[in-house]
Amino acid sequence: MKADALIRRRIVVATDAFVELVVWRLSAPLPPSTHRFKYRLAYVVRGACVVLYDNERGKGDHRHFAGREAPYRFASPERLIADFDADRERWDRENRRP
């Protein structure tokens, strides 16, 4: 399956935290997803991944937040990044990060 990298970026947000954004456009959907994107958006703090949005074959679109995994409804890469950023900011607020 052919894949074109759309985004591949690591952003250091603090001395102990970074965000990694990886999004590919695929030639065909990755089942059970119906869209043609493969992605992994991660927020890592002190070596632990605390927010993760990803999709994988057989599992589909989902997000990890506060130790729980839940389905995610993918609409577009732009909406994906906005939703991820909102969860990252929420995690920071709830964990009293500056």
N, C-alpha and C. Protein backbone atom coordinates (compact mmCIF):
# COMPACT_ATOMS: atom_id res chain seq x y z
N MET A 1 0.85 -1.17 0.00
CA MET A 1 0.00 0.00 0.00
C MET A 1 0.90 1.24 0.00
N LYS A 2 0.70 2.11 -0.97
CA LYS A 2 1.48 3.34 -1.08
C LYS A 2 1.02 4.36 -0.04
N ALA A 3 1.99 5.06 0.56
CA ALA A 3 1.69 6.08 1.56
C ALA A 3 2.55 7.32 1.30
N ASP A 4 1.91 8.48 1.38
CA ASP A 4 2.62 9.75 1.24
C ASP A 4 2.58 10.47 2.58
N ALA A 5 3.75 10.83 3.08
CA ALA A 5 3.81 11.55 4.36
C ALA A 5 3.28 12.97 4.16
N LEU A 6 2.27 13.34 4.96
CA LEU A 6 1.73 14.70 4.93
C LEU A 6 2.34 15.54 6.05
N ILE A 7 2.46 14.93 7.22
CA ILE A 7 3.02 15.62 8.38
C ILE A 7 3.93 14.64 9.11
N ARG A 8 5.10 15.10 9.46
CA ARG A 8 6.02 14.31 10.29
C ARG A 8 6.82 15.32 11.10
N ARG A 9 6.36 15.56 12.33
CA ARG A 9 6.94 16.64 13.12
C ARG A 9 7.00 16.28 14.59
N ARG A 10 8.09 16.65 15.22
CA ARG A 10 8.23 16.55 16.68
C ARG A 10 8.43 17.96 17.21
N ILE A 11 7.61 18.32 18.19
CA ILE A 11 7.65 19.67 18.76
C ILE A 11 7.94 19.56 20.25
N VAL A 12 9.03 20.13 20.69
CA VAL A 12 9.36 20.15 22.11
C VAL A 12 8.54 21.26 22.75
N VAL A 13 7.71 20.89 23.74
CA VAL A 13 6.84 21.89 24.38
C VAL A 13 7.30 22.24 25.78
N ALA A 14 8.20 21.46 26.33
CA ALA A 14 8.80 21.72 27.65
C ALA A 14 10.05 20.85 27.75
N THR A 15 10.85 21.08 28.76
CA THR A 15 12.07 20.28 28.91
C THR A 15 11.76 18.80 29.11
N ASP A 16 10.56 18.50 29.59
CA ASP A 16 10.19 17.11 29.85
C ASP A 16 9.00 16.64 29.01
N ALA A 17 8.68 17.35 27.92
CA ALA A 17 7.49 16.98 27.14
C ALA A 17 7.66 17.34 25.67
N PHE A 18 7.07 16.51 24.81
CA PHE A 18 7.05 16.80 23.38
C PHE A 18 5.78 16.25 22.76
N VAL A 19 5.46 16.79 21.59
CA VAL A 19 4.34 16.33 20.77
C VAL A 19 4.93 15.75 19.50
N GLU A 20 4.40 14.61 19.09
CA GLU A 20 4.80 14.03 17.81
C GLU A 20 3.55 13.89 16.94
N LEU A 21 3.61 14.46 15.74
CA LEU A 21 2.50 14.41 14.79
C LEU A 21 2.96 13.69 13.54
N VAL A 22 2.28 12.61 13.19
CA VAL A 22 2.60 11.85 11.98
C VAL A 22 1.29 11.52 11.28
N VAL A 23 1.17 11.98 10.02
CA VAL A 23 -0.03 11.71 9.22
C VAL A 23 0.42 11.33 7.81
N TRP A 24 -0.11 10.21 7.32
CA TRP A 24 0.15 9.76 5.95
C TRP A 24 -1.17 9.72 5.18
N ARG A 25 -1.10 9.96 3.88
CA ARG A 25 -2.24 9.72 2.99
C ARG A 25 -1.97 8.37 2.31
N LEU A 26 -2.93 7.48 2.40
CA LEU A 26 -2.81 6.14 1.84
C LEU A 26 -3.49 6.04 0.48
N SER A 27 -3.13 5.04 -0.28
CA SER A 27 -3.78 4.82 -1.58
C SER A 27 -5.16 4.20 -1.41
N ALA A 28 -5.41 3.58 -0.24
CA ALA A 28 -6.72 2.97 0.06
C ALA A 28 -6.91 3.01 1.57
N PRO A 29 -8.16 2.98 2.05
CA PRO A 29 -8.40 2.98 3.49
C PRO A 29 -7.75 1.79 4.20
N LEU A 30 -7.41 1.99 5.44
CA LEU A 30 -6.86 0.94 6.30
C LEU A 30 -8.01 0.41 7.15
N PRO A 31 -8.54 -0.77 6.82
CA PRO A 31 -9.74 -1.28 7.52
C PRO A 31 -9.55 -1.38 9.03
N PRO A 32 -10.55 -1.04 9.82
CA PRO A 32 -11.92 -0.73 9.43
C PRO A 32 -12.18 0.75 9.14
N SER A 33 -11.16 1.59 9.12
CA SER A 33 -11.35 3.00 8.76
C SER A 33 -11.86 3.10 7.33
N THR A 34 -12.63 4.14 7.04
CA THR A 34 -13.16 4.34 5.70
C THR A 34 -12.46 5.49 4.96
N HIS A 35 -11.58 6.21 5.65
CA HIS A 35 -10.83 7.31 5.04
C HIS A 35 -9.45 6.81 4.63
N ARG A 36 -8.72 7.63 3.87
CA ARG A 36 -7.41 7.23 3.36
C ARG A 36 -6.25 7.86 4.14
N PHE A 37 -6.38 7.93 5.46
CA PHE A 37 -5.30 8.51 6.27
C PHE A 37 -4.87 7.52 7.34
N LYS A 38 -3.59 7.50 7.60
CA LYS A 38 -3.00 6.74 8.71
C LYS A 38 -2.32 7.78 9.58
N TYR A 39 -2.53 7.71 10.90
CA TYR A 39 -1.99 8.77 11.75
C TYR A 39 -1.60 8.26 13.14
N ARG A 40 -0.72 9.06 13.74
CA ARG A 40 -0.32 8.86 15.14
C ARG A 40 0.03 10.24 15.69
N LEU A 41 -0.75 10.70 16.64
CA LEU A 41 -0.49 11.98 17.30
C LEU A 41 -0.29 11.67 18.77
N ALA A 42 0.86 12.00 19.30
CA ALA A 42 1.19 11.62 20.67
C ALA A 42 1.70 12.83 21.46
N TYR A 43 1.30 12.86 22.72
CA TYR A 43 1.81 13.85 23.67
C TYR A 43 2.52 13.05 24.75
N VAL A 44 3.83 13.27 24.86
CA VAL A 44 4.67 12.50 25.78
C VAL A 44 5.21 13.43 26.86
N VAL A 45 4.97 13.06 28.11
CA VAL A 45 5.41 13.84 29.26
C VAL A 45 6.21 12.92 30.18
N ARG A 46 7.41 13.35 30.52
CA ARG A 46 8.29 12.56 31.39
C ARG A 46 8.41 11.11 30.93
N GLY A 47 8.49 10.92 29.62
CA GLY A 47 8.68 9.59 29.05
C GLY A 47 7.42 8.75 28.91
N ALA A 48 6.26 9.27 29.34
CA ALA A 48 5.00 8.51 29.25
C ALA A 48 4.08 9.19 28.23
N CYS A 49 3.48 8.39 27.38
CA CYS A 49 2.52 8.90 26.41
C CYS A 49 1.20 9.12 27.14
N VAL A 50 0.79 10.38 27.30
CA VAL A 50 -0.40 10.70 28.10
C VAL A 50 -1.63 10.99 27.25
N VAL A 51 -1.43 11.36 25.98
CA VAL A 51 -2.54 11.53 25.03
C VAL A 51 -2.07 10.93 23.71
N LEU A 52 -2.91 10.09 23.12
CA LEU A 52 -2.54 9.45 21.85
C LEU A 52 -3.78 9.30 20.99
N TYR A 53 -3.69 9.75 19.75
CA TYR A 53 -4.72 9.50 18.74
C TYR A 53 -4.05 8.67 17.66
N ASP A 54 -4.65 7.55 17.31
CA ASP A 54 -4.07 6.74 16.24
C ASP A 54 -5.13 5.85 15.61
N ASN A 55 -4.75 5.25 14.50
CA ASN A 55 -5.59 4.24 13.87
C ASN A 55 -4.68 3.12 13.40
N GLU A 56 -5.20 1.93 13.46
CA GLU A 56 -4.42 0.77 13.05
C GLU A 56 -5.35 -0.27 12.45
N ARG A 57 -4.78 -1.10 11.62
CA ARG A 57 -5.56 -2.16 10.96
C ARG A 57 -6.26 -3.01 12.03
N GLY A 58 -7.54 -3.23 11.81
CA GLY A 58 -8.31 -4.07 12.71
C GLY A 58 -8.90 -3.33 13.90
N LYS A 59 -8.33 -2.21 14.26
CA LYS A 59 -8.79 -1.46 15.43
C LYS A 59 -9.49 -0.17 15.03
N GLY A 60 -9.05 0.46 13.98
CA GLY A 60 -9.67 1.69 13.50
C GLY A 60 -9.26 2.92 14.29
N ASP A 61 -10.02 3.97 14.10
CA ASP A 61 -9.74 5.27 14.71
C ASP A 61 -10.08 5.24 16.20
N HIS A 62 -9.13 5.67 17.03
CA HIS A 62 -9.38 5.72 18.47
C HIS A 62 -8.41 6.68 19.13
N ARG A 63 -8.72 7.01 20.39
CA ARG A 63 -7.87 7.92 21.16
C ARG A 63 -7.64 7.34 22.54
N HIS A 64 -6.50 7.70 23.12
CA HIS A 64 -6.15 7.30 24.49
C HIS A 64 -6.05 8.58 25.30
N PHE A 65 -6.76 8.64 26.41
CA PHE A 65 -6.72 9.83 27.28
C PHE A 65 -7.03 9.38 28.70
N ALA A 66 -6.23 9.84 29.65
CA ALA A 66 -6.45 9.53 31.07
C ALA A 66 -6.54 8.02 31.30
N GLY A 67 -5.69 7.27 30.61
CA GLY A 67 -5.65 5.83 30.83
C GLY A 67 -6.78 5.05 30.19
N ARG A 68 -7.61 5.73 29.41
CA ARG A 68 -8.74 5.05 28.76
C ARG A 68 -8.63 5.16 27.24
N GLU A 69 -9.08 4.12 26.58
CA GLU A 69 -9.14 4.11 25.12
C GLU A 69 -10.61 4.24 24.71
N ALA A 70 -10.86 5.08 23.70
CA ALA A 70 -12.23 5.29 23.22
C ALA A 70 -12.22 5.46 21.71
N PRO A 71 -13.30 5.09 21.05
CA PRO A 71 -13.38 5.31 19.59
C PRO A 71 -13.28 6.80 19.28
N TYR A 72 -12.77 7.10 18.11
CA TYR A 72 -12.66 8.49 17.64
C TYR A 72 -13.30 8.58 16.27
N ARG A 73 -14.11 9.60 16.03
CA ARG A 73 -14.75 9.80 14.73
C ARG A 73 -13.88 10.75 13.91
N PHE A 74 -13.16 10.19 12.95
CA PHE A 74 -12.27 10.97 12.09
C PHE A 74 -13.10 11.75 11.08
N ALA A 75 -12.82 13.06 10.94
CA ALA A 75 -13.49 13.90 9.94
C ALA A 75 -12.50 14.41 8.89
N SER A 76 -11.33 14.88 9.35
CA SER A 76 -10.30 15.42 8.45
C SER A 76 -9.01 15.53 9.24
N PRO A 77 -7.87 15.63 8.55
CA PRO A 77 -6.60 15.84 9.27
C PRO A 77 -6.62 17.11 10.12
N GLU A 78 -7.24 18.17 9.62
CA GLU A 78 -7.29 19.43 10.37
C GLU A 78 -8.11 19.27 11.66
N ARG A 79 -9.25 18.60 11.57
CA ARG A 79 -10.10 18.37 12.75
C ARG A 79 -9.39 17.44 13.74
N LEU A 80 -8.67 16.45 13.22
CA LEU A 80 -7.89 15.53 14.05
C LEU A 80 -6.89 16.30 14.90
N ILE A 81 -6.14 17.19 14.28
CA ILE A 81 -5.13 17.96 15.01
C ILE A 81 -5.79 18.89 16.02
N ALA A 82 -6.90 19.52 15.65
CA ALA A 82 -7.62 20.40 16.59
C ALA A 82 -8.14 19.61 17.79
N ASP A 83 -8.70 18.43 17.57
CA ASP A 83 -9.20 17.61 18.67
C ASP A 83 -8.05 17.14 19.57
N PHE A 84 -6.94 16.74 18.96
CA PHE A 84 -5.77 16.32 19.73
C PHE A 84 -5.25 17.47 20.57
N ASP A 85 -5.13 18.67 19.98
CA ASP A 85 -4.64 19.83 20.72
C ASP A 85 -5.56 20.15 21.90
N ALA A 86 -6.86 20.04 21.71
CA ALA A 86 -7.81 20.30 22.80
C ALA A 86 -7.61 19.30 23.93
N ASP A 87 -7.41 18.03 23.61
CA ASP A 87 -7.16 17.03 24.65
C ASP A 87 -5.82 17.25 25.34
N ARG A 88 -4.83 17.66 24.58
CA ARG A 88 -3.51 17.94 25.17
C ARG A 88 -3.62 19.10 26.16
N GLU A 89 -4.30 20.16 25.77
CA GLU A 89 -4.50 21.30 26.67
C GLU A 89 -5.32 20.90 27.90
N ARG A 90 -6.32 20.07 27.69
CA ARG A 90 -7.12 19.57 28.82
C ARG A 90 -6.25 18.77 29.78
N TRP A 91 -5.39 17.89 29.23
CA TRP A 91 -4.52 17.08 30.08
C TRP A 91 -3.61 18.00 30.90
N ASP A 92 -3.06 19.02 30.26
CA ASP A 92 -2.20 19.98 30.98
C ASP A 92 -2.96 20.67 32.12
N ARG A 93 -4.18 21.13 31.85
CA ARG A 93 -5.00 21.78 32.89
C ARG A 93 -5.27 20.82 34.04
N GLU A 94 -5.72 19.61 33.72
CA GLU A 94 -6.08 18.65 34.75
C GLU A 94 -4.89 18.17 35.56
N ASN A 95 -3.70 18.28 34.97
CA ASN A 95 -2.48 17.84 35.67
C ASN A 95 -1.61 19.01 36.09
N ARG A 96 -2.21 20.19 36.07
CA ARG A 96 -1.57 21.42 36.55
C ARG A 96 -0.19 21.68 35.94
N ARG A 97 -0.15 21.51 34.62
CA ARG A 97 1.10 21.83 33.91
C ARG A 97 1.00 23.25 33.40
N PRO A 98 2.09 23.98 33.45
CA PRO A 98 2.07 25.38 32.98
C PRO A 98 1.85 25.48 31.47
